[in-house]
Amino acid sequence: MGGEHDIAQANTLQYYQSLIPNSQFVIIRNSGHETMHDNLEEELKVLSGFLRKLD
């Protein structure tokens, strides 16, 4: 998970995501590196959706 305006590049995030089984690559809109501070609603939506898939 990264922010739309994150200092971490999307290709770097995708690389690390590819190393973690059952993970997802998600960009949080209207946020930087601190996604939970910049767009908490979107982050919680993404996390909730991911956790629901684990059941």
PDB file of N, CA and C in Angstrom:
ATOM      1  N   MET A   1       0.852  -1.161   0.000  1.00  0.00           N
ATOM      2  CA  MET A   1       0.000   0.000   0.000  1.00  0.00           C
ATOM      3  C   MET A   1       0.901   1.228   0.000  1.00  0.00           C
ATOM      4  N   GLY A   2       0.587   2.131  -0.847  1.00  0.00           N
ATOM      5  CA  GLY A   2       1.341   3.365  -0.920  1.00  0.00           C
ATOM      6  C   GLY A   2       0.423   4.520  -1.255  1.00  0.00           C
ATOM      7  N   GLY A   3       0.919   5.698  -1.077  1.00  0.00           N
ATOM      8  CA  GLY A   3       0.136   6.884  -1.367  1.00  0.00           C
ATOM      9  C   GLY A   3       0.331   7.349  -2.800  1.00  0.00           C
ATOM     10  N   GLU A   4      -0.688   7.997  -3.312  1.00  0.00           N
ATOM     11  CA  GLU A   4      -0.649   8.532  -4.676  1.00  0.00           C
ATOM     12  C   GLU A   4       0.541   9.484  -4.862  1.00  0.00           C
ATOM     13  N   HIS A   5       0.880  10.207  -3.817  1.00  0.00           N
ATOM     14  CA  HIS A   5       1.982  11.171  -3.873  1.00  0.00           C
ATOM     15  C   HIS A   5       3.124  10.733  -2.954  1.00  0.00           C
ATOM     16  N   ASP A   6       3.273   9.432  -2.780  1.00  0.00           N
ATOM     17  CA  ASP A   6       4.273   8.841  -1.890  1.00  0.00           C
ATOM     18  C   ASP A   6       5.674   9.043  -2.459  1.00  0.00           C
ATOM     19  N   ILE A   7       6.637   9.214  -1.575  1.00  0.00           N
ATOM     20  CA  ILE A   7       8.029   9.315  -2.008  1.00  0.00           C
ATOM     21  C   ILE A   7       8.525   7.963  -2.527  1.00  0.00           C
ATOM     22  N   ALA A   8       7.955   6.873  -2.013  1.00  0.00           N
ATOM     23  CA  ALA A   8       8.291   5.533  -2.508  1.00  0.00           C
ATOM     24  C   ALA A   8       7.643   5.348  -3.884  1.00  0.00           C
ATOM     25  N   GLN A   9       8.441   4.986  -4.857  1.00  0.00           N
ATOM     26  CA  GLN A   9       7.945   4.814  -6.225  1.00  0.00           C
ATOM     27  C   GLN A   9       7.065   3.572  -6.336  1.00  0.00           C
ATOM     28  N   ALA A  10       6.060   3.649  -7.190  1.00  0.00           N
ATOM     29  CA  ALA A  10       5.125   2.534  -7.370  1.00  0.00           C
ATOM     30  C   ALA A  10       5.848   1.260  -7.790  1.00  0.00           C
ATOM     31  N   ASN A  11       6.849   1.364  -8.653  1.00  0.00           N
ATOM     32  CA  ASN A  11       7.553   0.146  -9.080  1.00  0.00           C
ATOM     33  C   ASN A  11       8.316  -0.503  -7.928  1.00  0.00           C
ATOM     34  N   THR A  12       8.805   0.281  -6.992  1.00  0.00           N
ATOM     35  CA  THR A  12       9.471  -0.265  -5.806  1.00  0.00           C
ATOM     36  C   THR A  12       8.461  -0.981  -4.917  1.00  0.00           C
ATOM     37  N   LEU A  13       7.315  -0.357  -4.718  1.00  0.00           N
ATOM     38  CA  LEU A  13       6.264  -0.981  -3.914  1.00  0.00           C
ATOM     39  C   LEU A  13       5.792  -2.284  -4.554  1.00  0.00           C
ATOM     40  N   GLN A  14       5.644  -2.291  -5.864  1.00  0.00           N
ATOM     41  CA  GLN A  14       5.207  -3.497  -6.568  1.00  0.00           C
ATOM     42  C   GLN A  14       6.248  -4.608  -6.450  1.00  0.00           C
ATOM     43  N   TYR A  15       7.509  -4.261  -6.474  1.00  0.00           N
ATOM     44  CA  TYR A  15       8.554  -5.267  -6.311  1.00  0.00           C
ATOM     45  C   TYR A  15       8.415  -5.959  -4.956  1.00  0.00           C
ATOM     46  N   TYR A  16       8.331  -5.188  -3.880  1.00  0.00           N
ATOM     47  CA  TYR A  16       8.218  -5.780  -2.548  1.00  0.00           C
ATOM     48  C   TYR A  16       6.911  -6.539  -2.383  1.00  0.00           C
ATOM     49  N   GLN A  17       5.857  -6.027  -2.979  1.00  0.00           N
ATOM     50  CA  GLN A  17       4.575  -6.736  -2.930  1.00  0.00           C
ATOM     51  C   GLN A  17       4.696  -8.095  -3.596  1.00  0.00           C
ATOM     52  N   SER A  18       5.454  -8.182  -4.674  1.00  0.00           N
ATOM     53  CA  SER A  18       5.601  -9.452  -5.393  1.00  0.00           C
ATOM     54  C   SER A  18       6.329 -10.513  -4.564  1.00  0.00           C
ATOM     55  N   LEU A  19       7.040 -10.100  -3.545  1.00  0.00           N
ATOM     56  CA  LEU A  19       7.770 -11.030  -2.686  1.00  0.00           C
ATOM     57  C   LEU A  19       6.910 -11.603  -1.556  1.00  0.00           C
ATOM     58  N   ILE A  20       5.727 -11.043  -1.354  1.00  0.00           N
ATOM     59  CA  ILE A  20       4.867 -11.448  -0.239  1.00  0.00           C
ATOM     60  C   ILE A  20       3.650 -12.190  -0.787  1.00  0.00           C
ATOM     61  N   PRO A  21       3.557 -13.498  -0.520  1.00  0.00           N
ATOM     62  CA  PRO A  21       2.414 -14.276  -1.021  1.00  0.00           C
ATOM     63  C   PRO A  21       1.069 -13.710  -0.534  1.00  0.00           C
ATOM     64  N   ASN A  22       0.071 -13.758  -1.388  1.00  0.00           N
ATOM     65  CA  ASN A  22      -1.305 -13.326  -1.080  1.00  0.00           C
ATOM     66  C   ASN A  22      -1.421 -11.847  -0.744  1.00  0.00           C
ATOM     67  N   SER A  23      -0.435 -11.067  -1.145  1.00  0.00           N
ATOM     68  CA  SER A  23      -0.502  -9.628  -0.878  1.00  0.00           C
ATOM     69  C   SER A  23      -1.128  -8.911  -2.070  1.00  0.00           C
ATOM     70  N   GLN A  24      -1.425  -7.654  -1.868  1.00  0.00           N
ATOM     71  CA  GLN A  24      -2.026  -6.832  -2.918  1.00  0.00           C
ATOM     72  C   GLN A  24      -1.249  -5.523  -3.022  1.00  0.00           C
ATOM     73  N   PHE A  25      -1.212  -4.978  -4.222  1.00  0.00           N
ATOM     74  CA  PHE A  25      -0.612  -3.664  -4.447  1.00  0.00           C
ATOM     75  C   PHE A  25      -1.749  -2.657  -4.579  1.00  0.00           C
ATOM     76  N   VAL A  26      -1.757  -1.665  -3.710  1.00  0.00           N
ATOM     77  CA  VAL A  26      -2.826  -0.662  -3.703  1.00  0.00           C
ATOM     78  C   VAL A  26      -2.212   0.721  -3.544  1.00  0.00           C
ATOM     79  N   ILE A  27      -2.711   1.657  -4.332  1.00  0.00           N
ATOM     80  CA  ILE A  27      -2.333   3.065  -4.187  1.00  0.00           C
ATOM     81  C   ILE A  27      -3.518   3.795  -3.554  1.00  0.00           C
ATOM     82  N   ILE A  28      -3.260   4.483  -2.454  1.00  0.00           N
ATOM     83  CA  ILE A  28      -4.282   5.261  -1.762  1.00  0.00           C
ATOM     84  C   ILE A  28      -4.315   6.652  -2.377  1.00  0.00           C
ATOM     85  N   ARG A  29      -5.462   7.005  -2.933  1.00  0.00           N
ATOM     86  CA  ARG A  29      -5.611   8.319  -3.578  1.00  0.00           C
ATOM     87  C   ARG A  29      -5.497   9.463  -2.571  1.00  0.00           C
ATOM     88  N   ASN A  30      -5.077  10.591  -3.073  1.00  0.00           N
ATOM     89  CA  ASN A  30      -4.994  11.833  -2.283  1.00  0.00           C
ATOM     90  C   ASN A  30      -4.191  11.664  -0.996  1.00  0.00           C
ATOM     91  N   SER A  31      -3.081  10.948  -1.089  1.00  0.00           N
ATOM     92  CA  SER A  31      -2.244  10.776   0.095  1.00  0.00           C
ATOM     93  C   SER A  31      -0.777  10.706  -0.300  1.00  0.00           C
ATOM     94  N   GLY A  32       0.051  10.941   0.691  1.00  0.00           N
ATOM     95  CA  GLY A  32       1.496  10.816   0.510  1.00  0.00           C
ATOM     96  C   GLY A  32       1.965   9.554   1.205  1.00  0.00           C
ATOM     97  N   HIS A  33       3.103   9.633   1.879  1.00  0.00           N
ATOM     98  CA  HIS A  33       3.682   8.464   2.528  1.00  0.00           C
ATOM     99  C   HIS A  33       2.877   8.042   3.759  1.00  0.00           C
ATOM    100  N   GLU A  34       2.257   8.987   4.437  1.00  0.00           N
ATOM    101  CA  GLU A  34       1.483   8.680   5.641  1.00  0.00           C
ATOM    102  C   GLU A  34       0.005   8.552   5.275  1.00  0.00           C
ATOM    103  N   THR A  35      -0.317   7.452   4.624  1.00  0.00           N
ATOM    104  CA  THR A  35      -1.666   7.281   4.081  1.00  0.00           C
ATOM    105  C   THR A  35      -2.746   7.352   5.144  1.00  0.00           C
ATOM    106  N   MET A  36      -2.465   6.832   6.336  1.00  0.00           N
ATOM    107  CA  MET A  36      -3.504   6.839   7.378  1.00  0.00           C
ATOM    108  C   MET A  36      -3.817   8.244   7.871  1.00  0.00           C
ATOM    109  N   HIS A  37      -2.883   9.159   7.714  1.00  0.00           N
ATOM    110  CA  HIS A  37      -3.132  10.545   8.115  1.00  0.00           C
ATOM    111  C   HIS A  37      -3.742  11.357   6.972  1.00  0.00           C
ATOM    112  N   ASP A  38      -3.334  11.021   5.754  1.00  0.00           N
ATOM    113  CA  ASP A  38      -3.768  11.797   4.602  1.00  0.00           C
ATOM    114  C   ASP A  38      -5.137  11.387   4.080  1.00  0.00           C
ATOM    115  N   ASN A  39      -5.463  10.098   4.167  1.00  0.00           N
ATOM    116  CA  ASN A  39      -6.741   9.615   3.641  1.00  0.00           C
ATOM    117  C   ASN A  39      -7.162   8.377   4.427  1.00  0.00           C
ATOM    118  N   LEU A  40      -7.489   8.580   5.683  1.00  0.00           N
ATOM    119  CA  LEU A  40      -7.844   7.480   6.585  1.00  0.00           C
ATOM    120  C   LEU A  40      -9.030   6.675   6.059  1.00  0.00           C
ATOM    121  N   GLU A  41     -10.038   7.344   5.548  1.00  0.00           N
ATOM    122  CA  GLU A  41     -11.235   6.644   5.067  1.00  0.00           C
ATOM    123  C   GLU A  41     -10.880   5.637   3.963  1.00  0.00           C
ATOM    124  N   GLU A  42     -10.081   6.050   3.018  1.00  0.00           N
ATOM    125  CA  GLU A  42      -9.696   5.157   1.918  1.00  0.00           C
ATOM    126  C   GLU A  42      -8.818   4.009   2.426  1.00  0.00           C
ATOM    127  N   GLU A  43      -7.902   4.312   3.324  1.00  0.00           N
ATOM    128  CA  GLU A  43      -7.041   3.260   3.870  1.00  0.00           C
ATOM    129  C   GLU A  43      -7.859   2.214   4.612  1.00  0.00           C
ATOM    130  N   LEU A  44      -8.799   2.642   5.438  1.00  0.00           N
ATOM    131  CA  LEU A  44      -9.635   1.695   6.171  1.00  0.00           C
ATOM    132  C   LEU A  44     -10.495   0.859   5.229  1.00  0.00           C
ATOM    133  N   LYS A  45     -10.963   1.459   4.155  1.00  0.00           N
ATOM    134  CA  LYS A  45     -11.745   0.736   3.153  1.00  0.00           C
ATOM    135  C   LYS A  45     -10.900  -0.370   2.520  1.00  0.00           C
ATOM    136  N   VAL A  46      -9.674  -0.039   2.149  1.00  0.00           N
ATOM    137  CA  VAL A  46      -8.772  -1.018   1.535  1.00  0.00           C
ATOM    138  C   VAL A  46      -8.416  -2.125   2.528  1.00  0.00           C
ATOM    139  N   LEU A  47      -8.059  -1.751   3.752  1.00  0.00           N
ATOM    140  CA  LEU A  47      -7.693  -2.747   4.756  1.00  0.00           C
ATOM    141  C   LEU A  47      -8.865  -3.664   5.092  1.00  0.00           C
ATOM    142  N   SER A  48     -10.038  -3.094   5.237  1.00  0.00           N
ATOM    143  CA  SER A  48     -11.229  -3.900   5.539  1.00  0.00           C
ATOM    144  C   SER A  48     -11.508  -4.904   4.426  1.00  0.00           C
ATOM    145  N   GLY A  49     -11.415  -4.450   3.197  1.00  0.00           N
ATOM    146  CA  GLY A  49     -11.633  -5.337   2.057  1.00  0.00           C
ATOM    147  C   GLY A  49     -10.620  -6.461   2.007  1.00  0.00           C
ATOM    148  N   PHE A  50      -9.366  -6.154   2.286  1.00  0.00           N
ATOM    149  CA  PHE A  50      -8.323  -7.172   2.290  1.00  0.00           C
ATOM    150  C   PHE A  50      -8.580  -8.200   3.388  1.00  0.00           C
ATOM    151  N   LEU A  51      -8.908  -7.722   4.584  1.00  0.00           N
ATOM    152  CA  LEU A  51      -9.139  -8.629   5.709  1.00  0.00           C
ATOM    153  C   LEU A  51     -10.362  -9.513   5.478  1.00  0.00           C
ATOM    154  N   ARG A  52     -11.405  -8.979   4.837  1.00  0.00           N
ATOM    155  CA  ARG A  52     -12.589  -9.787   4.539  1.00  0.00           C
ATOM    156  C   ARG A  52     -12.252 -10.949   3.618  1.00  0.00           C
ATOM    157  N   LYS A  53     -11.309 -10.749   2.698  1.00  0.00           N
ATOM    158  CA  LYS A  53     -10.917 -11.801   1.765  1.00  0.00           C
ATOM    159  C   LYS A  53     -10.163 -12.930   2.461  1.00  0.00           C
ATOM    160  N   LEU A  54      -9.625 -12.673   3.650  1.00  0.00           N
ATOM    161  CA  LEU A  54      -8.867 -13.694   4.359  1.00  0.00           C
ATOM    162  C   LEU A  54      -9.761 -14.747   5.009  1.00  0.00           C
ATOM    163  N   ASP A  55     -11.015 -14.421   5.222  1.00  0.00           N
ATOM    164  CA  ASP A  55     -11.931 -15.373   5.878  1.00  0.00           C
ATOM    165  C   ASP A  55     -12.178 -16.588   5.053  1.00  0.00           C
TER     166      ASP A  55
END
